Amino acid sequence: MEPKKTIHKDINNVFITTQKNFMTKSLKRAAAAGFTLIELLIVVIILAILAAIAIPQFSASAQDAQVAALDSNLTTIRAAIEQYRAQHTGFVYPGAATSKGTACTGNNGTGAVNTEAALREQLQNYSNAKGETCDVPGPNFRFGPYLRQGIPAEPINNVSAIVVTSDGTPIGATDANGWAYDTKSGQFIMNSTAKDPSDKVYSTH
């Protein structure tokens, strides 16, 4: 009876060893084969879902930042316009008088009355009481600059153009983008009828 037990035991050992070898080889083959097509599809689907969730959040944050920059720029520009008006003869707004002059030791202004050039020069450069400008300070040019970096482009569409009027009536915005300004009323707005993410028209900021 003893030899039979030994034979059975040997057979069991061979079976177990063979099974282990088979499983090891199978695992090695699976590892070497990489991902299956189904597994790759699952990964792609998960990444697409995550992107669909994340991208709108980033987009909304970027739009909010642009609106905040617009409001900040408008506050700064409007304050500079009012400060200019308070310091100049006749309490005129920038752009309402020519920025051309002759007594400058640097570069004289070149802007005619009611033009974008006059507005920019009178806010960015030094000026006398009449609004004539110079790009260097001097005893005749003791006011300003009010915006040392000049008037920036509006941050929504990055357009820097300024439509200048002198009607004194509320400005009717267009879709030209950039800015709109009236030299008689001092109104300064973004020249756009589009709406921000909160459904507020940009020109009413």
Foldseek 3Di string as FASTA:
>chain_A
DVVVVVVVVVVVVVVVVVVVVVVVVVVVVVVVVPDDPVVVVVVVVVVVVVCVVPVVVVVLVVLVVLLVVLVVLVVLLLVLQQVLLVQAPPSFTFLQQAQADDPEPADKQDGHRQDPSRNQQQQQFFAARRSHGYNDDDPRGDDDNSDNVTRFWRRPVRHADEATAAPLDDDDADCPFHWYAHRPVGDIFTRHQDAGPVRHGRRVD
